[in-house]
Amino acid sequence: MGLDNPVHILILLIVLLLVFGAKRLPEVGRSLGDGMRGFKESLSGAGAHDALPAVQVPATELTAAPPVRDAHLFAPAPALESSELVAGTTTPRRSTS
């Protein structure tokens, strides 16, 4: 039922050959091997990143951000009073005078 039968492995290889082609099959195998090797190294904790020395970054003082130019453009609009609103909507009532 599984891949223990050589016929199943042969059918799988033929399907892979048809899907990827003869030129791309070695490239796919190489990238799959590199991915598996990287995964194995990440699980074991070994790798080049352990050999790098730790760099300490000097702490700097935090300063306040400069004031925003044109801050009035971002200010919220003034609230409308209930007498200025049309009943049931949020649109202001136009004066008729």
PDB file of N, CA and C in Angstrom:
ATOM      1  N   MET A   1       0.815  -1.199   0.000  1.00  0.00           N
ATOM      2  CA  MET A   1       0.000   0.000   0.000  1.00  0.00           C
ATOM      3  C   MET A   1       0.859   1.264   0.000  1.00  0.00           C
ATOM      4  N   GLY A   2       2.006   1.230   0.701  1.00  0.00           N
ATOM      5  CA  GLY A   2       2.853   2.413   0.809  1.00  0.00           C
ATOM      6  C   GLY A   2       3.904   2.422  -0.277  1.00  0.00           C
ATOM      7  N   LEU A   3       5.025   3.070   0.026  1.00  0.00           N
ATOM      8  CA  LEU A   3       6.124   3.153  -0.932  1.00  0.00           C
ATOM      9  C   LEU A   3       7.104   2.005  -0.778  1.00  0.00           C
ATOM     10  N   ASP A   4       6.709   0.924  -0.106  1.00  0.00           N
ATOM     11  CA  ASP A   4       7.590  -0.219   0.058  1.00  0.00           C
ATOM     12  C   ASP A   4       7.664  -1.070  -1.207  1.00  0.00           C
ATOM     13  N   ASN A   5       6.752  -0.883  -2.106  1.00  0.00           N
ATOM     14  CA  ASN A   5       6.719  -1.624  -3.355  1.00  0.00           C
ATOM     15  C   ASN A   5       7.539  -0.867  -4.403  1.00  0.00           C
ATOM     16  N   PRO A   6       8.498  -1.509  -5.070  1.00  0.00           N
ATOM     17  CA  PRO A   6       9.311  -0.825  -6.084  1.00  0.00           C
ATOM     18  C   PRO A   6       8.491  -0.273  -7.253  1.00  0.00           C
ATOM     19  N   VAL A   7       7.356  -0.878  -7.538  1.00  0.00           N
ATOM     20  CA  VAL A   7       6.506  -0.388  -8.628  1.00  0.00           C
ATOM     21  C   VAL A   7       5.930   0.987  -8.268  1.00  0.00           C
ATOM     22  N   HIS A   8       5.570   1.169  -7.013  1.00  0.00           N
ATOM     23  CA  HIS A   8       5.037   2.469  -6.586  1.00  0.00           C
ATOM     24  C   HIS A   8       6.110   3.551  -6.681  1.00  0.00           C
ATOM     25  N   ILE A   9       7.327   3.211  -6.296  1.00  0.00           N
ATOM     26  CA  ILE A   9       8.427   4.173  -6.385  1.00  0.00           C
ATOM     27  C   ILE A   9       8.688   4.528  -7.845  1.00  0.00           C
ATOM     28  N   LEU A  10       8.650   3.547  -8.736  1.00  0.00           N
ATOM     29  CA  LEU A  10       8.860   3.787 -10.161  1.00  0.00           C
ATOM     30  C   LEU A  10       7.763   4.687 -10.735  1.00  0.00           C
ATOM     31  N   ILE A  11       6.527   4.463 -10.350  1.00  0.00           N
ATOM     32  CA  ILE A  11       5.419   5.306 -10.826  1.00  0.00           C
ATOM     33  C   ILE A  11       5.592   6.735 -10.313  1.00  0.00           C
ATOM     34  N   LEU A  12       6.002   6.881  -9.060  1.00  0.00           N
ATOM     35  CA  LEU A  12       6.229   8.210  -8.492  1.00  0.00           C
ATOM     36  C   LEU A  12       7.347   8.932  -9.239  1.00  0.00           C
ATOM     37  N   LEU A  13       8.436   8.235  -9.560  1.00  0.00           N
ATOM     38  CA  LEU A  13       9.537   8.849 -10.301  1.00  0.00           C
ATOM     39  C   LEU A  13       9.116   9.254 -11.719  1.00  0.00           C
ATOM     40  N   ILE A  14       8.300   8.452 -12.361  1.00  0.00           N
ATOM     41  CA  ILE A  14       7.810   8.794 -13.700  1.00  0.00           C
ATOM     42  C   ILE A  14       6.920  10.029 -13.649  1.00  0.00           C
ATOM     43  N   VAL A  15       6.055  10.117 -12.645  1.00  0.00           N
ATOM     44  CA  VAL A  15       5.192  11.296 -12.495  1.00  0.00           C
ATOM     45  C   VAL A  15       6.039  12.538 -12.242  1.00  0.00           C
ATOM     46  N   LEU A  16       7.053  12.434 -11.375  1.00  0.00           N
ATOM     47  CA  LEU A  16       7.944  13.570 -11.114  1.00  0.00           C
ATOM     48  C   LEU A  16       8.683  13.983 -12.383  1.00  0.00           C
ATOM     49  N   LEU A  17       9.119  13.020 -13.170  1.00  0.00           N
ATOM     50  CA  LEU A  17       9.815  13.324 -14.419  1.00  0.00           C
ATOM     51  C   LEU A  17       8.891  14.039 -15.398  1.00  0.00           C
ATOM     52  N   LEU A  18       7.645  13.623 -15.449  1.00  0.00           N
ATOM     53  CA  LEU A  18       6.688  14.276 -16.347  1.00  0.00           C
ATOM     54  C   LEU A  18       6.327  15.685 -15.869  1.00  0.00           C
ATOM     55  N   VAL A  19       6.206  15.861 -14.571  1.00  0.00           N
ATOM     56  CA  VAL A  19       5.806  17.162 -14.034  1.00  0.00           C
ATOM     57  C   VAL A  19       6.940  18.178 -14.139  1.00  0.00           C
ATOM     58  N   PHE A  20       8.145  17.812 -13.697  1.00  0.00           N
ATOM     59  CA  PHE A  20       9.244  18.777 -13.631  1.00  0.00           C
ATOM     60  C   PHE A  20      10.144  18.757 -14.865  1.00  0.00           C
ATOM     61  N   GLY A  21      10.223  17.668 -15.567  1.00  0.00           N
ATOM     62  CA  GLY A  21      11.096  17.577 -16.730  1.00  0.00           C
ATOM     63  C   GLY A  21      12.479  17.107 -16.329  1.00  0.00           C
ATOM     64  N   ALA A  22      13.223  16.618 -17.329  1.00  0.00           N
ATOM     65  CA  ALA A  22      14.537  16.041 -17.058  1.00  0.00           C
ATOM     66  C   ALA A  22      15.556  17.106 -16.670  1.00  0.00           C
ATOM     67  N   LYS A  23      15.417  18.322 -17.166  1.00  0.00           N
ATOM     68  CA  LYS A  23      16.394  19.376 -16.866  1.00  0.00           C
ATOM     69  C   LYS A  23      16.219  19.945 -15.467  1.00  0.00           C
ATOM     70  N   ARG A  24      14.992  20.060 -15.001  1.00  0.00           N
ATOM     71  CA  ARG A  24      14.742  20.687 -13.703  1.00  0.00           C
ATOM     72  C   ARG A  24      14.759  19.696 -12.540  1.00  0.00           C
ATOM     73  N   LEU A  25      14.717  18.416 -12.811  1.00  0.00           N
ATOM     74  CA  LEU A  25      14.670  17.422 -11.744  1.00  0.00           C
ATOM     75  C   LEU A  25      15.914  17.443 -10.851  1.00  0.00           C
ATOM     76  N   PRO A  26      17.149  17.552 -11.381  1.00  0.00           N
ATOM     77  CA  PRO A  26      18.313  17.664 -10.480  1.00  0.00           C
ATOM     78  C   PRO A  26      18.281  18.938  -9.641  1.00  0.00           C
ATOM     79  N   GLU A  27      17.802  20.025 -10.221  1.00  0.00           N
ATOM     80  CA  GLU A  27      17.704  21.283  -9.473  1.00  0.00           C
ATOM     81  C   GLU A  27      16.698  21.166  -8.334  1.00  0.00           C
ATOM     82  N   VAL A  28      15.574  20.513  -8.584  1.00  0.00           N
ATOM     83  CA  VAL A  28      14.563  20.316  -7.548  1.00  0.00           C
ATOM     84  C   VAL A  28      15.119  19.431  -6.430  1.00  0.00           C
ATOM     85  N   GLY A  29      15.844  18.378  -6.794  1.00  0.00           N
ATOM     86  CA  GLY A  29      16.448  17.503  -5.794  1.00  0.00           C
ATOM     87  C   GLY A  29      17.500  18.221  -4.968  1.00  0.00           C
ATOM     88  N   ARG A  30      18.303  19.078  -5.619  1.00  0.00           N
ATOM     89  CA  ARG A  30      19.337  19.828  -4.909  1.00  0.00           C
ATOM     90  C   ARG A  30      18.715  20.814  -3.926  1.00  0.00           C
ATOM     91  N   SER A  31      17.687  21.539  -4.361  1.00  0.00           N
ATOM     92  CA  SER A  31      17.049  22.508  -3.465  1.00  0.00           C
ATOM     93  C   SER A  31      16.320  21.803  -2.321  1.00  0.00           C
ATOM     94  N   LEU A  32      15.739  20.649  -2.592  1.00  0.00           N
ATOM     95  CA  LEU A  32      15.091  19.876  -1.534  1.00  0.00           C
ATOM     96  C   LEU A  32      16.119  19.396  -0.515  1.00  0.00           C
ATOM     97  N   GLY A  33      17.283  18.943  -0.992  1.00  0.00           N
ATOM     98  CA  GLY A  33      18.350  18.510  -0.091  1.00  0.00           C
ATOM     99  C   GLY A  33      18.887  19.660   0.750  1.00  0.00           C
ATOM    100  N   ASP A  34      19.061  20.846   0.128  1.00  0.00           N
ATOM    101  CA  ASP A  34      19.522  22.018   0.878  1.00  0.00           C
ATOM    102  C   ASP A  34      18.515  22.417   1.945  1.00  0.00           C
ATOM    103  N   GLY A  35      17.241  22.350   1.612  1.00  0.00           N
ATOM    104  CA  GLY A  35      16.201  22.686   2.584  1.00  0.00           C
ATOM    105  C   GLY A  35      16.174  21.721   3.746  1.00  0.00           C
ATOM    106  N   MET A  36      16.325  20.433   3.447  1.00  0.00           N
ATOM    107  CA  MET A  36      16.343  19.430   4.516  1.00  0.00           C
ATOM    108  C   MET A  36      17.585  19.596   5.394  1.00  0.00           C
ATOM    109  N   ARG A  37      18.732  19.932   4.780  1.00  0.00           N
ATOM    110  CA  ARG A  37      19.963  20.145   5.538  1.00  0.00           C
ATOM    111  C   ARG A  37      19.827  21.360   6.455  1.00  0.00           C
ATOM    112  N   GLY A  38      19.250  22.432   5.944  1.00  0.00           N
ATOM    113  CA  GLY A  38      19.037  23.622   6.762  1.00  0.00           C
ATOM    114  C   GLY A  38      18.086  23.371   7.907  1.00  0.00           C
ATOM    115  N   PHE A  39      17.048  22.590   7.648  1.00  0.00           N
ATOM    116  CA  PHE A  39      16.090  22.248   8.705  1.00  0.00           C
ATOM    117  C   PHE A  39      16.762  21.426   9.788  1.00  0.00           C
ATOM    118  N   LYS A  40      17.603  20.480   9.378  1.00  0.00           N
ATOM    119  CA  LYS A  40      18.310  19.626  10.341  1.00  0.00           C
ATOM    120  C   LYS A  40      19.265  20.461  11.188  1.00  0.00           C
ATOM    121  N   GLU A  41      19.963  21.423  10.561  1.00  0.00           N
ATOM    122  CA  GLU A  41      20.882  22.280  11.299  1.00  0.00           C
ATOM    123  C   GLU A  41      20.135  23.184  12.282  1.00  0.00           C
ATOM    124  N   SER A  42      18.970  23.651  11.890  1.00  0.00           N
ATOM    125  CA  SER A  42      18.208  24.519  12.793  1.00  0.00           C
ATOM    126  C   SER A  42      17.680  23.739  13.992  1.00  0.00           C
ATOM    127  N   LEU A  43      17.369  22.470  13.805  1.00  0.00           N
ATOM    128  CA  LEU A  43      16.908  21.652  14.918  1.00  0.00           C
ATOM    129  C   LEU A  43      18.036  21.323  15.880  1.00  0.00           C
ATOM    130  N   SER A  44      19.223  21.063  15.342  1.00  0.00           N
ATOM    131  CA  SER A  44      20.339  20.695  16.213  1.00  0.00           C
ATOM    132  C   SER A  44      20.975  21.908  16.872  1.00  0.00           C
ATOM    133  N   GLY A  45      20.720  23.109  16.364  1.00  0.00           N
ATOM    134  CA  GLY A  45      21.267  24.323  16.953  1.00  0.00           C
ATOM    135  C   GLY A  45      22.644  24.657  16.432  1.00  0.00           C
ATOM    136  N   ALA A  46      23.204  23.833  15.577  1.00  0.00           N
ATOM    137  CA  ALA A  46      24.520  24.106  15.007  1.00  0.00           C
ATOM    138  C   ALA A  46      24.355  24.980  13.771  1.00  0.00           C
ATOM    139  N   GLY A  47      25.358  25.779  13.513  1.00  0.00           N
ATOM    140  CA  GLY A  47      25.300  26.606  12.323  1.00  0.00           C
ATOM    141  C   GLY A  47      26.265  27.759  12.412  1.00  0.00           C
ATOM    142  N   ALA A  48      26.324  28.530  11.373  1.00  0.00           N
ATOM    143  CA  ALA A  48      27.261  29.650  11.301  1.00  0.00           C
ATOM    144  C   ALA A  48      26.841  30.802  12.204  1.00  0.00           C
ATOM    145  N   HIS A  49      25.573  30.885  12.533  1.00  0.00           N
ATOM    146  CA  HIS A  49      25.124  32.010  13.348  1.00  0.00           C
ATOM    147  C   HIS A  49      25.631  31.927  14.781  1.00  0.00           C
ATOM    148  N   ASP A  50      26.040  30.731  15.240  1.00  0.00           N
ATOM    149  CA  ASP A  50      26.592  30.598  16.588  1.00  0.00           C
ATOM    150  C   ASP A  50      28.010  31.153  16.676  1.00  0.00           C
ATOM    151  N   ALA A  51      28.736  31.166  15.566  1.00  0.00           N
ATOM    152  CA  ALA A  51      30.115  31.607  15.562  1.00  0.00           C
ATOM    153  C   ALA A  51      30.239  33.129  15.558  1.00  0.00           C
ATOM    154  N   LEU A  52      29.180  33.845  15.260  1.00  0.00           N
ATOM    155  CA  LEU A  52      29.238  35.301  15.215  1.00  0.00           C
ATOM    156  C   LEU A  52      29.281  35.873  16.622  1.00  0.00           C
ATOM    157  N   PRO A  53      30.161  36.857  16.870  1.00  0.00           N
ATOM    158  CA  PRO A  53      30.210  37.467  18.205  1.00  0.00           C
ATOM    159  C   PRO A  53      29.001  38.373  18.421  1.00  0.00           C
ATOM    160  N   ALA A  54      28.603  38.476  19.668  1.00  0.00           N
ATOM    161  CA  ALA A  54      27.472  39.335  20.006  1.00  0.00           C
ATOM    162  C   ALA A  54      27.942  40.782  20.003  1.00  0.00           C
ATOM    163  N   VAL A  55      27.192  41.646  19.354  1.00  0.00           N
ATOM    164  CA  VAL A  55      27.535  43.060  19.268  1.00  0.00           C
ATOM    165  C   VAL A  55      26.625  43.823  20.206  1.00  0.00           C
ATOM    166  N   GLN A  56      27.229  44.624  21.077  1.00  0.00           N
ATOM    167  CA  GLN A  56      26.413  45.419  21.982  1.00  0.00           C
ATOM    168  C   GLN A  56      26.212  46.799  21.379  1.00  0.00           C
ATOM    169  N   VAL A  57      24.987  47.218  21.321  1.00  0.00           N
ATOM    170  CA  VAL A  57      24.633  48.518  20.776  1.00  0.00           C
ATOM    171  C   VAL A  57      24.543  49.498  21.937  1.00  0.00           C
ATOM    172  N   PRO A  58      25.236  50.643  21.850  1.00  0.00           N
ATOM    173  CA  PRO A  58      25.160  51.602  22.953  1.00  0.00           C
ATOM    174  C   PRO A  58      23.765  52.202  23.063  1.00  0.00           C
ATOM    175  N   ALA A  59      23.332  52.360  24.293  1.00  0.00           N
ATOM    176  CA  ALA A  59      22.012  52.941  24.530  1.00  0.00           C
ATOM    177  C   ALA A  59      22.083  54.443  24.285  1.00  0.00           C
ATOM    178  N   THR A  60      21.112  54.974  23.609  1.00  0.00           N
ATOM    179  CA  THR A  60      21.053  56.409  23.344  1.00  0.00           C
ATOM    180  C   THR A  60      19.848  56.985  24.059  1.00  0.00           C
ATOM    181  N   GLU A  61      19.922  58.263  24.329  1.00  0.00           N
ATOM    182  CA  GLU A  61      18.796  58.922  24.984  1.00  0.00           C
ATOM    183  C   GLU A  61      17.667  59.120  23.978  1.00  0.00           C
ATOM    184  N   LEU A  62      16.484  58.899  24.454  1.00  0.00           N
ATOM    185  CA  LEU A  62      15.323  59.133  23.610  1.00  0.00           C
ATOM    186  C   LEU A  62      14.979  60.613  23.660  1.00  0.00           C
ATOM    187  N   THR A  63      14.733  61.179  22.519  1.00  0.00           N
ATOM    188  CA  THR A  63      14.361  62.587  22.464  1.00  0.00           C
ATOM    189  C   THR A  63      12.934  62.689  21.963  1.00  0.00           C
ATOM    190  N   ALA A  64      12.315  63.776  22.303  1.00  0.00           N
ATOM    191  CA  ALA A  64      10.940  64.002  21.859  1.00  0.00           C
ATOM    192  C   ALA A  64      10.947  64.285  20.363  1.00  0.00           C
ATOM    193  N   ALA A  65       9.919  63.862  19.706  1.00  0.00           N
ATOM    194  CA  ALA A  65       9.797  64.103  18.278  1.00  0.00           C
ATOM    195  C   ALA A  65       9.547  65.586  18.038  1.00  0.00           C
ATOM    196  N   PRO A  66      10.051  66.129  16.957  1.00  0.00           N
ATOM    197  CA  PRO A  66       9.805  67.538  16.675  1.00  0.00           C
ATOM    198  C   PRO A  66       8.318  67.769  16.417  1.00  0.00           C
ATOM    199  N   PRO A  67       7.841  68.980  16.666  1.00  0.00           N
ATOM    200  CA  PRO A  67       6.419  69.242  16.439  1.00  0.00           C
ATOM    201  C   PRO A  67       6.062  69.062  14.964  1.00  0.00           C
ATOM    202  N   VAL A  68       4.857  68.596  14.754  1.00  0.00           N
ATOM    203  CA  VAL A  68       4.395  68.334  13.393  1.00  0.00           C
ATOM    204  C   VAL A  68       3.972  69.641  12.752  1.00  0.00           C
ATOM    205  N   ARG A  69       4.527  69.886  11.582  1.00  0.00           N
ATOM    206  CA  ARG A  69       4.111  71.063  10.839  1.00  0.00           C
ATOM    207  C   ARG A  69       2.708  70.846  10.318  1.00  0.00           C
ATOM    208  N   ASP A  70       1.923  71.844  10.267  1.00  0.00           N
ATOM    209  CA  ASP A  70       0.533  71.779   9.788  1.00  0.00           C
ATOM    210  C   ASP A  70      -0.298  70.828  10.650  1.00  0.00           C
ATOM    211  N   ALA A  71      -0.096  70.879  11.955  1.00  0.00           N
ATOM    212  CA  ALA A  71      -0.836  70.008  12.861  1.00  0.00           C
ATOM    213  C   ALA A  71      -2.321  70.319  12.834  1.00  0.00           C
ATOM    214  N   HIS A  72      -2.686  71.539  12.472  1.00  0.00           N
ATOM    215  CA  HIS A  72      -4.104  71.893  12.432  1.00  0.00           C
ATOM    216  C   HIS A  72      -4.841  71.107  11.352  1.00  0.00           C
ATOM    217  N   LEU A  73      -4.123  70.588  10.360  1.00  0.00           N
ATOM    218  CA  LEU A  73      -4.768  69.793   9.317  1.00  0.00           C
ATOM    219  C   LEU A  73      -5.227  68.442   9.843  1.00  0.00           C
ATOM    220  N   PHE A  74      -4.587  67.963  10.907  1.00  0.00           N
ATOM    221  CA  PHE A  74      -4.911  66.656  11.456  1.00  0.00           C
ATOM    222  C   PHE A  74      -5.802  66.739  12.684  1.00  0.00           C
ATOM    223  N   ALA A  75      -6.198  67.925  13.076  1.00  0.00           N
ATOM    224  CA  ALA A  75      -7.040  68.094  14.252  1.00  0.00           C
ATOM    225  C   ALA A  75      -8.455  67.604  13.935  1.00  0.00           C
ATOM    226  N   PRO A  76      -9.150  67.043  14.909  1.00  0.00           N
ATOM    227  CA  PRO A  76     -10.515  66.581  14.656  1.00  0.00           C
ATOM    228  C   PRO A  76     -11.455  67.755  14.409  1.00  0.00           C
ATOM    229  N   ALA A  77     -12.470  67.502  13.622  1.00  0.00           N
ATOM    230  CA  ALA A  77     -13.456  68.537  13.325  1.00  0.00           C
ATOM    231  C   ALA A  77     -14.278  68.836  14.569  1.00  0.00           C
ATOM    232  N   PRO A  78     -14.719  70.070  14.728  1.00  0.00           N
ATOM    233  CA  PRO A  78     -15.541  70.390  15.896  1.00  0.00           C
ATOM    234  C   PRO A  78     -16.872  69.647  15.828  1.00  0.00           C
ATOM    235  N   ALA A  79     -17.363  69.278  16.981  1.00  0.00           N
ATOM    236  CA  ALA A  79     -18.625  68.537  17.059  1.00  0.00           C
ATOM    237  C   ALA A  79     -19.794  69.465  16.765  1.00  0.00           C
ATOM    238  N   LEU A  80     -20.795  68.931  16.089  1.00  0.00           N
ATOM    239  CA  LEU A  80     -22.003  69.697  15.788  1.00  0.00           C
ATOM    240  C   LEU A  80     -22.992  69.532  16.927  1.00  0.00           C
ATOM    241  N   GLU A  81     -23.693  70.573  17.214  1.00  0.00           N
ATOM    242  CA  GLU A  81     -24.708  70.483  18.254  1.00  0.00           C
ATOM    243  C   GLU A  81     -25.951  69.831  17.676  1.00  0.00           C
ATOM    244  N   SER A  82     -26.789  69.305  18.551  1.00  0.00           N
ATOM    245  CA  SER A  82     -27.976  68.583  18.096  1.00  0.00           C
ATOM    246  C   SER A  82     -28.946  69.496  17.355  1.00  0.00           C
ATOM    247  N   SER A  83     -28.948  70.792  17.626  1.00  0.00           N
ATOM    248  CA  SER A  83     -29.858  71.691  16.918  1.00  0.00           C
ATOM    249  C   SER A  83     -29.404  71.922  15.479  1.00  0.00           C
ATOM    250  N   GLU A  84     -28.145  71.626  15.192  1.00  0.00           N
ATOM    251  CA  GLU A  84     -27.642  71.825  13.841  1.00  0.00           C
ATOM    252  C   GLU A  84     -27.834  70.602  12.954  1.00  0.00           C
ATOM    253  N   LEU A  85     -28.239  69.494  13.536  1.00  0.00           N
ATOM    254  CA  LEU A  85     -28.386  68.266  12.772  1.00  0.00           C
ATOM    255  C   LEU A  85     -29.817  68.084  12.301  1.00  0.00           C
ATOM    256  N   VAL A  86     -29.962  67.491  11.132  1.00  0.00           N
ATOM    257  CA  VAL A  86     -31.272  67.116  10.617  1.00  0.00           C
ATOM    258  C   VAL A  86     -31.661  65.834  11.331  1.00  0.00           C
ATOM    259  N   ALA A  87     -32.908  65.711  11.704  1.00  0.00           N
ATOM    260  CA  ALA A  87     -33.366  64.552  12.470  1.00  0.00           C
ATOM    261  C   ALA A  87     -33.064  63.254  11.731  1.00  0.00           C
ATOM    262  N   GLY A  88     -32.406  62.331  12.415  1.00  0.00           N
ATOM    263  CA  GLY A  88     -32.131  61.009  11.862  1.00  0.00           C
ATOM    264  C   GLY A  88     -30.891  60.934  10.997  1.00  0.00           C
ATOM    265  N   THR A  89     -30.159  62.015  10.785  1.00  0.00           N
ATOM    266  CA  THR A  89     -28.950  61.971   9.971  1.00  0.00           C
ATOM    267  C   THR A  89     -27.814  62.652  10.716  1.00  0.00           C
ATOM    268  N   THR A  90     -26.643  62.589  10.144  1.00  0.00           N
ATOM    269  CA  THR A  90     -25.488  63.265  10.725  1.00  0.00           C
ATOM    270  C   THR A  90     -25.035  64.425   9.863  1.00  0.00           C
ATOM    271  N   THR A  91     -25.880  64.835   8.916  1.00  0.00           N
ATOM    272  CA  THR A  91     -25.517  65.967   8.062  1.00  0.00           C
ATOM    273  C   THR A  91     -26.014  67.247   8.682  1.00  0.00           C
ATOM    274  N   PRO A  92     -25.254  68.325   8.612  1.00  0.00           N
ATOM    275  CA  PRO A  92     -25.698  69.578   9.223  1.00  0.00           C
ATOM    276  C   PRO A  92     -26.866  70.192   8.450  1.00  0.00           C
ATOM    277  N   ARG A  93     -27.704  70.886   9.185  1.00  0.00           N
ATOM    278  CA  ARG A  93     -28.863  71.564   8.603  1.00  0.00           C
ATOM    279  C   ARG A  93     -28.380  72.857   7.970  1.00  0.00           C
ATOM    280  N   ARG A  94     -28.824  73.149   6.765  1.00  0.00           N
ATOM    281  CA  ARG A  94     -28.453  74.385   6.110  1.00  0.00           C
ATOM    282  C   ARG A  94     -29.384  75.489   6.564  1.00  0.00           C
ATOM    283  N   SER A  95     -28.781  76.593   6.828  1.00  0.00           N
ATOM    284  CA  SER A  95     -29.626  77.719   7.250  1.00  0.00           C
ATOM    285  C   SER A  95     -30.306  78.326   6.016  1.00  0.00           C
ATOM    286  N   THR A  96     -31.558  78.712   6.175  1.00  0.00           N
ATOM    287  CA  THR A  96     -32.338  79.240   5.052  1.00  0.00           C
ATOM    288  C   THR A  96     -32.334  80.753   5.034  1.00  0.00           C
ATOM    289  N   SER A  97     -31.673  81.393   5.947  1.00  0.00           N
ATOM    290  CA  SER A  97     -31.712  82.852   5.970  1.00  0.00           C
ATOM    291  C   SER A  97     -30.609  83.494   5.190  1.00  0.00           C
TER     292      SER A  97
END
